[in-house]
Amino acid sequence: MAAITLKQRDPLQPLLAVVDIIFSGLVVITVLGAGMAVFSHGTSFFGWSRTVPYSVCVPTDDSDFHATGVTVEPGGLRPGTSASMRSASICLLHPTTGQAVTLTIAQVTGFVLFAGAFYLVRRLLRDAAKNGLFTPDLARSLRTLGWWRLAGEVIATVIVAAVRIRLLSRMVTDHIGPGHWYGYLHGSWAVIFFGVGLITAARIMRVGSVMREDLEGTV
């Protein structure tokens, strides 16, 4: 019986190719955006540029503060309907460099979390394609990704809330109390549960890799 040998196609290759393209695009966009912000006038990258002619704005719920002399007249409403403004932004028209840097920190936090997750997924897929799915190294990479999503989401939420509260305290005369913190903690519970799920899956995979090594040792 003639032996037919076919080159087995890596099942992870399509996903790895997509992740590589997206990650490369993130790197190119980041480098180009940072370069234009540094060397070009009038270009902002995460709220930062060579000059600071723009305003620094903080979104706020309309129930937090009172406005006078504001009229909202939307068009296209049928009789018996009404419209209300659910959110607004408070802006510093002439921010200092420190305030612009503070805004940049708030804007770049989410991007760092997103790009870091893509990098970890890319590394995980490469390890899986090279060493297999049920290995201690892959379980370790999966656990790292889970903690990045879980802890990163919590830390990023606190950082963004702290930055916005700090900027807001420089814009209004009202007292910024603890209740405002709750209004700016806009973390994603789905991301947190996803991180917990990845950590749990990593532990299961680690146990499976140990059992696989034991079975291979007894054969």
N, C-alpha and C. Protein backbone atom coordinates (compact mmCIF):
# COMPACT_ATOMS: atom_id res chain seq x y z
N MET A 1 0.85 -1.19 0.00
CA MET A 1 0.00 0.00 0.00
C MET A 1 0.88 1.23 0.00
N ALA A 2 0.68 2.04 -0.96
CA ALA A 2 1.53 3.22 -1.08
C ALA A 2 1.13 4.25 -0.03
N ALA A 3 2.14 4.81 0.57
CA ALA A 3 1.89 5.83 1.59
C ALA A 3 1.78 7.19 0.93
N ILE A 4 0.71 7.86 1.25
CA ILE A 4 0.47 9.18 0.67
C ILE A 4 0.69 10.21 1.77
N THR A 5 1.63 11.03 1.55
CA THR A 5 1.95 12.06 2.55
C THR A 5 1.49 13.41 2.03
N LEU A 6 0.70 14.06 2.82
CA LEU A 6 0.20 15.38 2.48
C LEU A 6 0.65 16.35 3.56
N LYS A 7 1.03 17.50 3.15
CA LYS A 7 1.42 18.53 4.09
C LYS A 7 0.19 19.04 4.83
N GLN A 8 0.19 18.84 6.14
CA GLN A 8 -0.95 19.25 6.94
C GLN A 8 -0.97 20.76 7.09
N ARG A 9 -2.13 21.32 6.84
CA ARG A 9 -2.28 22.76 6.93
C ARG A 9 -2.55 23.16 8.38
N ASP A 10 -1.87 24.19 8.83
CA ASP A 10 -2.03 24.67 10.20
C ASP A 10 -3.42 25.28 10.35
N PRO A 11 -4.27 24.73 11.25
CA PRO A 11 -5.62 25.29 11.40
C PRO A 11 -5.64 26.69 12.00
N LEU A 12 -4.56 27.10 12.65
CA LEU A 12 -4.50 28.42 13.25
C LEU A 12 -4.01 29.50 12.29
N GLN A 13 -3.55 29.08 11.12
CA GLN A 13 -2.94 30.04 10.21
C GLN A 13 -3.89 31.14 9.74
N PRO A 14 -5.16 30.85 9.39
CA PRO A 14 -6.04 31.96 8.97
C PRO A 14 -6.22 33.01 10.06
N LEU A 15 -6.46 32.56 11.30
CA LEU A 15 -6.64 33.51 12.39
C LEU A 15 -5.35 34.26 12.68
N LEU A 16 -4.23 33.57 12.62
CA LEU A 16 -2.94 34.21 12.86
C LEU A 16 -2.65 35.27 11.81
N ALA A 17 -3.01 34.99 10.56
CA ALA A 17 -2.80 35.97 9.49
C ALA A 17 -3.63 37.22 9.71
N VAL A 18 -4.89 37.05 10.14
CA VAL A 18 -5.75 38.21 10.40
C VAL A 18 -5.20 39.04 11.56
N VAL A 19 -4.77 38.37 12.63
CA VAL A 19 -4.22 39.08 13.78
C VAL A 19 -2.94 39.82 13.40
N ASP A 20 -2.10 39.19 12.58
CA ASP A 20 -0.87 39.86 12.13
C ASP A 20 -1.17 41.12 11.34
N ILE A 21 -2.16 41.05 10.46
CA ILE A 21 -2.52 42.22 9.65
C ILE A 21 -3.04 43.35 10.54
N ILE A 22 -3.93 43.01 11.48
CA ILE A 22 -4.49 44.05 12.36
C ILE A 22 -3.41 44.64 13.25
N PHE A 23 -2.55 43.80 13.80
CA PHE A 23 -1.49 44.30 14.68
C PHE A 23 -0.51 45.17 13.91
N SER A 24 -0.16 44.76 12.70
CA SER A 24 0.72 45.58 11.87
C SER A 24 0.08 46.92 11.55
N GLY A 25 -1.24 46.90 11.28
CA GLY A 25 -1.94 48.15 11.02
C GLY A 25 -1.93 49.07 12.22
N LEU A 26 -2.09 48.51 13.42
CA LEU A 26 -2.04 49.32 14.64
C LEU A 26 -0.68 49.97 14.82
N VAL A 27 0.38 49.20 14.52
CA VAL A 27 1.74 49.74 14.65
C VAL A 27 1.96 50.88 13.66
N VAL A 28 1.53 50.69 12.41
CA VAL A 28 1.72 51.72 11.38
C VAL A 28 0.94 52.97 11.73
N ILE A 29 -0.32 52.81 12.15
CA ILE A 29 -1.15 53.97 12.51
C ILE A 29 -0.55 54.71 13.69
N THR A 30 -0.05 53.97 14.67
CA THR A 30 0.54 54.62 15.85
C THR A 30 1.77 55.42 15.47
N VAL A 31 2.65 54.84 14.67
CA VAL A 31 3.88 55.53 14.28
C VAL A 31 3.56 56.76 13.43
N LEU A 32 2.66 56.60 12.46
CA LEU A 32 2.31 57.74 11.60
C LEU A 32 1.62 58.84 12.40
N GLY A 33 0.70 58.46 13.27
CA GLY A 33 -0.01 59.45 14.07
C GLY A 33 0.91 60.21 15.00
N ALA A 34 1.83 59.48 15.66
CA ALA A 34 2.77 60.14 16.55
C ALA A 34 3.72 61.05 15.78
N GLY A 35 4.16 60.59 14.61
CA GLY A 35 5.05 61.41 13.80
C GLY A 35 4.39 62.69 13.32
N MET A 36 3.14 62.59 12.88
CA MET A 36 2.42 63.78 12.41
C MET A 36 2.16 64.75 13.56
N ALA A 37 1.89 64.21 14.76
CA ALA A 37 1.66 65.09 15.91
C ALA A 37 2.92 65.84 16.31
N VAL A 38 4.09 65.19 16.09
CA VAL A 38 5.36 65.80 16.49
C VAL A 38 5.85 66.80 15.44
N PHE A 39 5.74 66.42 14.16
CA PHE A 39 6.38 67.21 13.11
C PHE A 39 5.41 68.06 12.30
N SER A 40 4.12 67.91 12.53
CA SER A 40 3.15 68.66 11.73
C SER A 40 2.32 69.56 12.64
N HIS A 41 2.06 70.77 12.17
CA HIS A 41 1.24 71.71 12.92
C HIS A 41 -0.25 71.41 12.67
N GLY A 42 -1.03 71.55 13.72
CA GLY A 42 -2.47 71.39 13.60
C GLY A 42 -2.94 69.96 13.58
N THR A 43 -2.06 68.97 13.83
CA THR A 43 -2.44 67.57 13.86
C THR A 43 -2.42 67.08 15.29
N SER A 44 -3.51 66.49 15.72
CA SER A 44 -3.62 66.00 17.09
C SER A 44 -3.60 64.49 17.10
N PHE A 45 -2.88 63.91 18.05
CA PHE A 45 -2.80 62.46 18.20
C PHE A 45 -3.06 62.14 19.67
N PHE A 46 -4.22 61.54 19.92
CA PHE A 46 -4.66 61.29 21.30
C PHE A 46 -4.67 62.58 22.12
N GLY A 47 -5.13 63.65 21.49
CA GLY A 47 -5.24 64.91 22.20
C GLY A 47 -3.94 65.66 22.35
N TRP A 48 -2.90 65.28 21.63
CA TRP A 48 -1.60 65.93 21.78
C TRP A 48 -1.07 66.36 20.41
N SER A 49 -0.46 67.55 20.37
CA SER A 49 0.18 68.03 19.16
C SER A 49 1.27 69.02 19.56
N ARG A 50 1.98 69.53 18.57
CA ARG A 50 3.07 70.48 18.86
C ARG A 50 2.54 71.76 19.49
N THR A 51 1.39 72.17 19.05
CA THR A 51 0.75 73.35 19.63
C THR A 51 -0.50 72.93 20.38
N VAL A 52 -1.03 73.78 21.22
CA VAL A 52 -2.23 73.47 21.99
C VAL A 52 -3.31 74.50 21.69
N PRO A 53 -3.80 74.56 20.43
CA PRO A 53 -4.85 75.52 20.12
C PRO A 53 -6.24 74.97 20.34
N TYR A 54 -6.33 73.70 20.69
CA TYR A 54 -7.61 73.04 20.80
C TYR A 54 -8.09 73.10 22.25
N SER A 55 -9.32 72.66 22.47
CA SER A 55 -9.90 72.65 23.81
C SER A 55 -9.81 71.25 24.40
N VAL A 56 -9.81 71.20 25.71
CA VAL A 56 -9.81 69.95 26.45
C VAL A 56 -11.20 69.78 27.04
N CYS A 57 -11.89 68.72 26.66
CA CYS A 57 -13.29 68.52 27.03
C CYS A 57 -13.46 67.26 27.87
N VAL A 58 -14.40 67.35 28.79
CA VAL A 58 -14.77 66.22 29.64
C VAL A 58 -16.26 65.99 29.50
N PRO A 59 -16.68 64.80 29.08
CA PRO A 59 -18.12 64.53 28.98
C PRO A 59 -18.73 64.42 30.37
N THR A 60 -19.95 64.88 30.50
CA THR A 60 -20.62 64.83 31.79
C THR A 60 -22.11 64.62 31.56
N ASP A 61 -22.76 64.01 32.53
CA ASP A 61 -24.19 63.81 32.46
C ASP A 61 -24.89 65.14 32.69
N ASP A 62 -26.00 65.38 31.98
CA ASP A 62 -26.66 66.68 32.08
C ASP A 62 -27.31 66.90 33.44
N SER A 63 -27.48 65.85 34.23
CA SER A 63 -28.09 66.00 35.54
C SER A 63 -27.08 66.48 36.59
N ASP A 64 -25.78 66.46 36.26
CA ASP A 64 -24.76 66.85 37.22
C ASP A 64 -24.72 68.36 37.42
N PHE A 65 -24.92 69.11 36.32
CA PHE A 65 -24.77 70.56 36.38
C PHE A 65 -25.97 71.22 35.71
N HIS A 66 -26.18 72.47 36.06
CA HIS A 66 -27.29 73.22 35.50
C HIS A 66 -26.76 74.22 34.47
N ALA A 67 -27.47 74.35 33.36
CA ALA A 67 -27.09 75.29 32.31
C ALA A 67 -28.21 76.30 32.13
N THR A 68 -27.83 77.51 31.81
CA THR A 68 -28.82 78.56 31.57
C THR A 68 -28.64 79.09 30.15
N GLY A 69 -29.74 79.53 29.57
CA GLY A 69 -29.68 80.11 28.23
C GLY A 69 -29.44 79.10 27.14
N VAL A 70 -29.79 77.83 27.37
CA VAL A 70 -29.58 76.78 26.38
C VAL A 70 -30.95 76.33 25.87
N THR A 71 -31.11 76.34 24.56
CA THR A 71 -32.36 75.93 23.96
C THR A 71 -32.08 74.83 22.93
N VAL A 72 -32.78 73.72 23.07
CA VAL A 72 -32.65 72.61 22.13
C VAL A 72 -33.90 72.56 21.28
N GLU A 73 -33.72 72.70 19.99
CA GLU A 73 -34.85 72.72 19.07
C GLU A 73 -34.62 71.70 17.96
N PRO A 74 -34.83 70.41 18.25
CA PRO A 74 -34.64 69.40 17.22
C PRO A 74 -35.76 69.45 16.19
N GLY A 75 -35.45 69.06 14.99
CA GLY A 75 -36.46 69.03 13.95
C GLY A 75 -36.89 67.61 13.65
N GLY A 76 -37.99 67.49 12.93
CA GLY A 76 -38.46 66.19 12.52
C GLY A 76 -39.24 65.42 13.56
N LEU A 77 -39.69 66.07 14.66
CA LEU A 77 -40.46 65.37 15.68
C LEU A 77 -41.94 65.44 15.35
N ARG A 78 -42.62 64.35 15.60
CA ARG A 78 -44.06 64.32 15.39
C ARG A 78 -44.78 64.94 16.59
N PRO A 79 -45.98 65.36 16.42
CA PRO A 79 -46.76 65.93 17.53
C PRO A 79 -46.89 64.93 18.68
N GLY A 80 -46.76 65.43 19.90
CA GLY A 80 -46.88 64.57 21.07
C GLY A 80 -45.58 63.93 21.51
N THR A 81 -44.45 64.32 20.89
CA THR A 81 -43.15 63.78 21.27
C THR A 81 -42.28 64.92 21.81
N SER A 82 -41.22 64.55 22.52
CA SER A 82 -40.31 65.54 23.08
C SER A 82 -38.89 65.02 22.96
N ALA A 83 -37.94 65.92 23.15
CA ALA A 83 -36.52 65.58 23.07
C ALA A 83 -35.81 66.16 24.28
N SER A 84 -34.77 65.46 24.75
CA SER A 84 -33.99 65.94 25.89
C SER A 84 -32.52 65.65 25.64
N MET A 85 -31.68 66.47 26.21
CA MET A 85 -30.23 66.30 26.07
C MET A 85 -29.73 65.44 27.22
N ARG A 86 -29.19 64.25 26.90
CA ARG A 86 -28.78 63.32 27.93
C ARG A 86 -27.33 63.51 28.37
N SER A 87 -26.51 64.14 27.57
CA SER A 87 -25.11 64.33 27.95
C SER A 87 -24.60 65.62 27.34
N ALA A 88 -23.53 66.12 27.93
CA ALA A 88 -22.90 67.35 27.45
C ALA A 88 -21.42 67.27 27.74
N SER A 89 -20.65 68.21 27.23
CA SER A 89 -19.21 68.27 27.46
C SER A 89 -18.85 69.63 28.01
N ILE A 90 -17.97 69.63 29.00
CA ILE A 90 -17.43 70.86 29.56
C ILE A 90 -15.99 70.98 29.11
N CYS A 91 -15.64 72.12 28.53
CA CYS A 91 -14.34 72.26 27.86
C CYS A 91 -13.53 73.41 28.44
N LEU A 92 -12.22 73.20 28.47
CA LEU A 92 -11.26 74.27 28.73
C LEU A 92 -10.82 74.83 27.38
N LEU A 93 -11.08 76.09 27.15
CA LEU A 93 -10.77 76.67 25.85
C LEU A 93 -9.28 76.91 25.65
N HIS A 94 -8.56 77.14 26.71
CA HIS A 94 -7.11 77.39 26.61
C HIS A 94 -6.39 76.53 27.63
N PRO A 95 -6.29 75.22 27.36
CA PRO A 95 -5.67 74.32 28.33
C PRO A 95 -4.16 74.52 28.41
N THR A 96 -3.62 74.21 29.58
CA THR A 96 -2.17 74.23 29.75
C THR A 96 -1.57 72.94 29.20
N THR A 97 -0.26 72.88 29.10
CA THR A 97 0.40 71.67 28.63
C THR A 97 0.11 70.49 29.54
N GLY A 98 0.11 70.74 30.87
CA GLY A 98 -0.19 69.67 31.80
C GLY A 98 -1.59 69.13 31.64
N GLN A 99 -2.56 69.99 31.38
CA GLN A 99 -3.93 69.54 31.16
C GLN A 99 -4.06 68.77 29.86
N ALA A 100 -3.32 69.19 28.83
CA ALA A 100 -3.34 68.45 27.57
C ALA A 100 -2.73 67.06 27.74
N VAL A 101 -1.64 66.97 28.53
CA VAL A 101 -1.02 65.66 28.79
C VAL A 101 -1.97 64.78 29.58
N THR A 102 -2.69 65.37 30.53
CA THR A 102 -3.66 64.61 31.31
C THR A 102 -4.74 64.02 30.43
N LEU A 103 -5.23 64.82 29.48
CA LEU A 103 -6.23 64.32 28.54
C LEU A 103 -5.66 63.20 27.67
N THR A 104 -4.40 63.34 27.26
CA THR A 104 -3.77 62.31 26.45
C THR A 104 -3.69 60.99 27.20
N ILE A 105 -3.39 61.04 28.49
CA ILE A 105 -3.33 59.82 29.30
C ILE A 105 -4.67 59.11 29.28
N ALA A 106 -5.75 59.89 29.43
CA ALA A 106 -7.09 59.29 29.43
C ALA A 106 -7.41 58.66 28.08
N GLN A 107 -7.00 59.30 26.99
CA GLN A 107 -7.34 58.79 25.66
C GLN A 107 -6.47 57.62 25.23
N VAL A 108 -5.22 57.60 25.67
CA VAL A 108 -4.31 56.56 25.21
C VAL A 108 -4.46 55.28 26.02
N THR A 109 -5.09 55.34 27.19
CA THR A 109 -5.19 54.16 28.05
C THR A 109 -5.94 53.03 27.36
N GLY A 110 -7.09 53.34 26.78
CA GLY A 110 -7.86 52.31 26.09
C GLY A 110 -7.13 51.73 24.90
N PHE A 111 -6.39 52.57 24.17
CA PHE A 111 -5.64 52.08 23.02
C PHE A 111 -4.53 51.13 23.45
N VAL A 112 -3.84 51.46 24.54
CA VAL A 112 -2.78 50.58 25.05
C VAL A 112 -3.36 49.23 25.46
N LEU A 113 -4.51 49.25 26.10
CA LEU A 113 -5.16 48.01 26.51
C LEU A 113 -5.55 47.17 25.29
N PHE A 114 -6.07 47.83 24.26
CA PHE A 114 -6.49 47.13 23.05
C PHE A 114 -5.29 46.57 22.28
N ALA A 115 -4.27 47.40 22.08
CA ALA A 115 -3.09 46.96 21.33
C ALA A 115 -2.33 45.88 22.09
N GLY A 116 -2.25 46.01 23.41
CA GLY A 116 -1.58 44.98 24.19
C GLY A 116 -2.28 43.64 24.10
N ALA A 117 -3.60 43.65 24.09
CA ALA A 117 -4.35 42.40 23.95
C ALA A 117 -4.09 41.75 22.60
N PHE A 118 -4.01 42.55 21.56
CA PHE A 118 -3.72 42.01 20.24
C PHE A 118 -2.32 41.41 20.20
N TYR A 119 -1.37 42.07 20.84
CA TYR A 119 0.00 41.53 20.87
C TYR A 119 0.03 40.19 21.60
N LEU A 120 -0.67 40.07 22.72
CA LEU A 120 -0.68 38.82 23.48
C LEU A 120 -1.38 37.71 22.71
N VAL A 121 -2.48 38.06 22.00
CA VAL A 121 -3.16 37.05 21.17
C VAL A 121 -2.23 36.58 20.05
N ARG A 122 -1.52 37.50 19.46
CA ARG A 122 -0.58 37.16 18.40
C ARG A 122 0.51 36.22 18.91
N ARG A 123 1.06 36.52 20.08
CA ARG A 123 2.08 35.66 20.66
C ARG A 123 1.52 34.29 21.04
N LEU A 124 0.29 34.28 21.55
CA LEU A 124 -0.35 33.01 21.93
C LEU A 124 -0.55 32.12 20.71
N LEU A 125 -1.04 32.71 19.61
CA LEU A 125 -1.27 31.92 18.40
C LEU A 125 0.03 31.39 17.81
N ARG A 126 1.08 32.18 17.87
CA ARG A 126 2.37 31.72 17.35
C ARG A 126 2.92 30.57 18.20
N ASP A 127 2.76 30.67 19.51
CA ASP A 127 3.20 29.58 20.38
C ASP A 127 2.39 28.31 20.12
N ALA A 128 1.08 28.48 19.91
CA ALA A 128 0.23 27.32 19.64
C ALA A 128 0.58 26.67 18.31
N ALA A 129 0.87 27.48 17.29
CA ALA A 129 1.24 26.93 15.99
C ALA A 129 2.59 26.22 16.04
N LYS A 130 3.47 26.66 16.91
CA LYS A 130 4.80 26.09 16.99
C LYS A 130 4.89 24.87 17.90
N ASN A 131 4.24 24.94 19.06
CA ASN A 131 4.41 23.90 20.07
C ASN A 131 3.18 23.04 20.32
N GLY A 132 2.04 23.42 19.74
CA GLY A 132 0.82 22.66 19.97
C GLY A 132 -0.11 23.37 20.93
N LEU A 133 -1.34 22.83 21.04
CA LEU A 133 -2.37 23.50 21.83
C LEU A 133 -2.27 23.20 23.32
N PHE A 134 -2.00 21.97 23.68
CA PHE A 134 -2.00 21.57 25.09
C PHE A 134 -0.57 21.50 25.62
N THR A 135 -0.03 22.67 25.90
CA THR A 135 1.32 22.77 26.45
C THR A 135 1.30 23.75 27.62
N PRO A 136 2.21 23.59 28.58
CA PRO A 136 2.27 24.54 29.71
C PRO A 136 2.53 25.97 29.25
N ASP A 137 3.33 26.14 28.20
CA ASP A 137 3.61 27.50 27.72
C ASP A 137 2.35 28.18 27.20
N LEU A 138 1.52 27.44 26.48
CA LEU A 138 0.29 28.03 25.96
C LEU A 138 -0.67 28.37 27.09
N ALA A 139 -0.74 27.50 28.10
CA ALA A 139 -1.59 27.80 29.26
C ALA A 139 -1.10 29.06 29.97
N ARG A 140 0.21 29.23 30.04
CA ARG A 140 0.77 30.43 30.67
C ARG A 140 0.45 31.68 29.85
N SER A 141 0.54 31.57 28.53
CA SER A 141 0.21 32.71 27.67
C SER A 141 -1.27 33.07 27.78
N LEU A 142 -2.12 32.06 27.86
CA LEU A 142 -3.55 32.30 27.98
C LEU A 142 -3.88 32.96 29.32
N ARG A 143 -3.19 32.55 30.37
CA ARG A 143 -3.39 33.17 31.68
C ARG A 143 -2.94 34.64 31.67
N THR A 144 -1.82 34.90 30.99
CA THR A 144 -1.35 36.28 30.89
C THR A 144 -2.35 37.15 30.16
N LEU A 145 -2.93 36.63 29.08
CA LEU A 145 -3.95 37.37 28.33
C LEU A 145 -5.18 37.63 29.20
N GLY A 146 -5.57 36.63 29.97
CA GLY A 146 -6.73 36.81 30.84
C GLY A 146 -6.51 37.88 31.90
N TRP A 147 -5.33 37.86 32.52
CA TRP A 147 -5.04 38.89 33.53
C TRP A 147 -4.88 40.26 32.90
N TRP A 148 -4.39 40.31 31.67
CA TRP A 148 -4.28 41.60 30.97
C TRP A 148 -5.66 42.21 30.74
N ARG A 149 -6.61 41.38 30.31
CA ARG A 149 -7.96 41.88 30.08
C ARG A 149 -8.65 42.23 31.39
N LEU A 150 -8.51 41.39 32.41
CA LEU A 150 -9.19 41.63 33.67
C LEU A 150 -8.61 42.82 34.42
N ALA A 151 -7.32 42.74 34.75
CA ALA A 151 -6.69 43.82 35.51
C ALA A 151 -6.59 45.09 34.68
N GLY A 152 -6.32 44.94 33.38
CA GLY A 152 -6.20 46.11 32.52
C GLY A 152 -7.49 46.90 32.44
N GLU A 153 -8.62 46.22 32.35
CA GLU A 153 -9.91 46.91 32.27
C GLU A 153 -10.19 47.67 33.56
N VAL A 154 -9.89 47.05 34.70
CA VAL A 154 -10.14 47.71 35.99
C VAL A 154 -9.23 48.93 36.14
N ILE A 155 -7.92 48.74 35.86
CA ILE A 155 -6.97 49.84 36.01
C ILE A 155 -7.28 50.98 35.04
N ALA A 156 -7.59 50.63 33.77
CA ALA A 156 -7.90 51.66 32.78
C ALA A 156 -9.15 52.44 33.17
N THR A 157 -10.15 51.76 33.70
CA THR A 157 -11.37 52.45 34.13
C THR A 157 -11.09 53.45 35.24
N VAL A 158 -10.28 53.04 36.21
CA VAL A 158 -9.94 53.93 37.32
C VAL A 158 -9.11 55.11 36.83
N ILE A 159 -8.16 54.85 35.93
CA ILE A 159 -7.31 55.93 35.42
C ILE A 159 -8.13 56.97 34.66
N VAL A 160 -9.00 56.51 33.77
CA VAL A 160 -9.82 57.44 32.99
C VAL A 160 -10.74 58.24 33.91
N ALA A 161 -11.34 57.58 34.89
CA ALA A 161 -12.21 58.29 35.82
C ALA A 161 -11.43 59.33 36.62
N ALA A 162 -10.24 58.98 37.09
CA ALA A 162 -9.43 59.92 37.86
C ALA A 162 -9.02 61.12 37.03
N VAL A 163 -8.65 60.88 35.77
CA VAL A 163 -8.25 61.98 34.89
C VAL A 163 -9.42 62.92 34.64
N ARG A 164 -10.59 62.37 34.35
CA ARG A 164 -11.74 63.21 34.07
C ARG A 164 -12.19 63.99 35.30
N ILE A 165 -12.14 63.36 36.46
CA ILE A 165 -12.49 64.06 37.69
C ILE A 165 -11.51 65.19 37.97
N ARG A 166 -10.22 64.93 37.74
CA ARG A 166 -9.20 65.95 37.96
C ARG A 166 -9.41 67.15 37.04
N LEU A 167 -9.69 66.88 35.75
CA LEU A 167 -9.94 67.97 34.82
C LEU A 167 -11.23 68.70 35.16
N LEU A 168 -12.24 67.94 35.53
CA LEU A 168 -13.52 68.56 35.83
C LEU A 168 -13.42 69.48 37.04
N SER A 169 -12.58 69.12 38.01
CA SER A 169 -12.44 69.97 39.20
C SER A 169 -11.80 71.30 38.88
N ARG A 170 -11.10 71.38 37.72
CA ARG A 170 -10.50 72.65 37.29
C ARG A 170 -11.45 73.49 36.44
N MET A 171 -12.60 72.92 36.09
CA MET A 171 -13.51 73.61 35.17
C MET A 171 -14.74 74.19 35.85
N VAL A 172 -15.15 73.63 36.95
CA VAL A 172 -16.42 74.05 37.57
C VAL A 172 -16.16 74.53 38.99
N THR A 173 -17.08 75.35 39.48
CA THR A 173 -16.99 75.84 40.85
C THR A 173 -17.71 74.93 41.82
N ASP A 174 -18.55 74.02 41.30
CA ASP A 174 -19.25 73.09 42.18
C ASP A 174 -18.27 72.11 42.81
N HIS A 175 -18.65 71.60 43.96
CA HIS A 175 -17.82 70.61 44.65
C HIS A 175 -17.94 69.26 43.94
N ILE A 176 -16.80 68.66 43.63
CA ILE A 176 -16.78 67.35 43.00
C ILE A 176 -16.72 66.30 44.09
N GLY A 177 -17.85 65.67 44.38
CA GLY A 177 -17.93 64.71 45.47
C GLY A 177 -17.73 63.28 45.00
N PRO A 178 -17.78 62.33 45.95
CA PRO A 178 -17.60 60.91 45.60
C PRO A 178 -18.64 60.40 44.61
N GLY A 179 -19.82 61.01 44.60
CA GLY A 179 -20.84 60.55 43.67
C GLY A 179 -20.46 60.72 42.21
N HIS A 180 -19.60 61.70 41.92
CA HIS A 180 -19.17 61.90 40.54
C HIS A 180 -18.25 60.76 40.08
N TRP A 181 -17.51 60.15 41.00
CA TRP A 181 -16.65 59.02 40.64
C TRP A 181 -17.46 57.89 40.03
N TYR A 182 -18.59 57.59 40.66
CA TYR A 182 -19.43 56.50 40.15
C TYR A 182 -19.90 56.78 38.73
N GLY A 183 -20.18 58.05 38.44
CA GLY A 183 -20.65 58.39 37.11
C GLY A 183 -19.60 58.26 36.02
N TYR A 184 -18.31 58.22 36.41
CA TYR A 184 -17.24 58.12 35.42
C TYR A 184 -16.59 56.74 35.38
N LEU A 185 -17.07 55.82 36.16
CA LEU A 185 -16.53 54.45 36.13
C LEU A 185 -17.31 53.66 35.09
N HIS A 186 -16.86 53.77 33.85
CA HIS A 186 -17.57 53.15 32.73
C HIS A 186 -16.82 51.91 32.22
N GLY A 187 -16.45 51.03 33.12
CA GLY A 187 -15.79 49.80 32.70
C GLY A 187 -16.77 48.83 32.06
N SER A 188 -16.23 47.83 31.41
CA SER A 188 -17.06 46.84 30.72
C SER A 188 -17.07 45.54 31.54
N TRP A 189 -18.24 45.17 32.03
CA TRP A 189 -18.37 43.91 32.75
C TRP A 189 -18.11 42.73 31.83
N ALA A 190 -18.45 42.86 30.57
CA ALA A 190 -18.22 41.76 29.62
C ALA A 190 -16.72 41.47 29.50
N VAL A 191 -15.90 42.52 29.43
CA VAL A 191 -14.45 42.32 29.34
C VAL A 191 -13.91 41.68 30.61
N ILE A 192 -14.43 42.10 31.77
CA ILE A 192 -13.97 41.53 33.04
C ILE A 192 -14.31 40.04 33.12
N PHE A 193 -15.54 39.68 32.78
CA PHE A 193 -15.93 38.27 32.81
C PHE A 193 -15.15 37.47 31.76
N PHE A 194 -14.85 38.10 30.62
CA PHE A 194 -14.06 37.42 29.60
C PHE A 194 -12.66 37.13 30.12
N GLY A 195 -12.07 38.09 30.84
CA GLY A 195 -10.75 37.86 31.43
C GLY A 195 -10.77 36.74 32.45
N VAL A 196 -11.82 36.70 33.29
CA VAL A 196 -11.95 35.61 34.26
C VAL A 196 -12.09 34.27 33.54
N GLY A 197 -12.86 34.27 32.45
CA GLY A 197 -13.01 33.04 31.67
C GLY A 197 -11.70 32.56 31.08
N LEU A 198 -10.88 33.48 30.59
CA LEU A 198 -9.58 33.09 30.04
C LEU A 198 -8.66 32.52 31.11
N ILE A 199 -8.68 33.12 32.30
CA ILE A 199 -7.86 32.61 33.40
C ILE A 199 -8.31 31.21 33.79
N THR A 200 -9.61 30.98 33.84
CA THR A 200 -10.14 29.65 34.16
C THR A 200 -9.77 28.64 33.09
N ALA A 201 -9.89 29.04 31.82
CA ALA A 201 -9.52 28.15 30.72
C ALA A 201 -8.03 27.82 30.76
N ALA A 202 -7.21 28.79 31.16
CA ALA A 202 -5.77 28.54 31.26
C ALA A 202 -5.47 27.50 32.33
N ARG A 203 -6.18 27.55 33.46
CA ARG A 203 -5.96 26.54 34.50
C ARG A 203 -6.38 25.16 34.03
N ILE A 204 -7.51 25.09 33.32
CA ILE A 204 -7.96 23.80 32.78
C ILE A 204 -6.95 23.27 31.77
N MET A 205 -6.45 24.16 30.91
CA MET A 205 -5.47 23.75 29.91
C MET A 205 -4.17 23.30 30.56
N ARG A 206 -3.79 23.93 31.64
CA ARG A 206 -2.56 23.54 32.35
C ARG A 206 -2.72 22.13 32.94
N VAL A 207 -3.88 21.85 33.52
CA VAL A 207 -4.13 20.50 34.04
C VAL A 207 -4.12 19.48 32.91
N GLY A 208 -4.73 19.84 31.77
CA GLY A 208 -4.73 18.93 30.63
C GLY A 208 -3.34 18.68 30.08
N SER A 209 -2.49 19.69 30.07
CA SER A 209 -1.13 19.51 29.58
C SER A 209 -0.32 18.60 30.50
N VAL A 210 -0.56 18.71 31.81
CA VAL A 210 0.13 17.83 32.75
C VAL A 210 -0.33 16.39 32.57
N MET A 211 -1.63 16.18 32.40
CA MET A 211 -2.15 14.83 32.16
C MET A 211 -1.62 14.26 30.86
N ARG A 212 -1.48 15.10 29.84
CA ARG A 212 -0.94 14.63 28.57
C ARG A 212 0.50 14.19 28.72
N GLU A 213 1.28 14.95 29.48
CA GLU A 213 2.68 14.57 29.70
C GLU A 213 2.77 13.26 30.48
N ASP A 214 1.86 13.07 31.46
CA ASP A 214 1.86 11.82 32.22
C ASP A 214 1.52 10.63 31.34
N LEU A 215 0.52 10.83 30.43
CA LEU A 215 0.14 9.74 29.53
C LEU A 215 1.27 9.40 28.56
N GLU A 216 1.92 10.44 28.04
CA GLU A 216 3.03 10.17 27.13
C GLU A 216 4.19 9.47 27.84
N GLY A 217 4.35 9.73 29.13
CA GLY A 217 5.42 9.08 29.88
C GLY A 217 5.13 7.63 30.18
N THR A 218 3.83 7.25 30.25
CA THR A 218 3.49 5.86 30.54
C THR A 218 3.41 4.99 29.30
N VAL A 219 3.33 5.61 28.12
CA VAL A 219 3.24 4.82 26.88
C VAL A 219 4.60 4.30 26.49
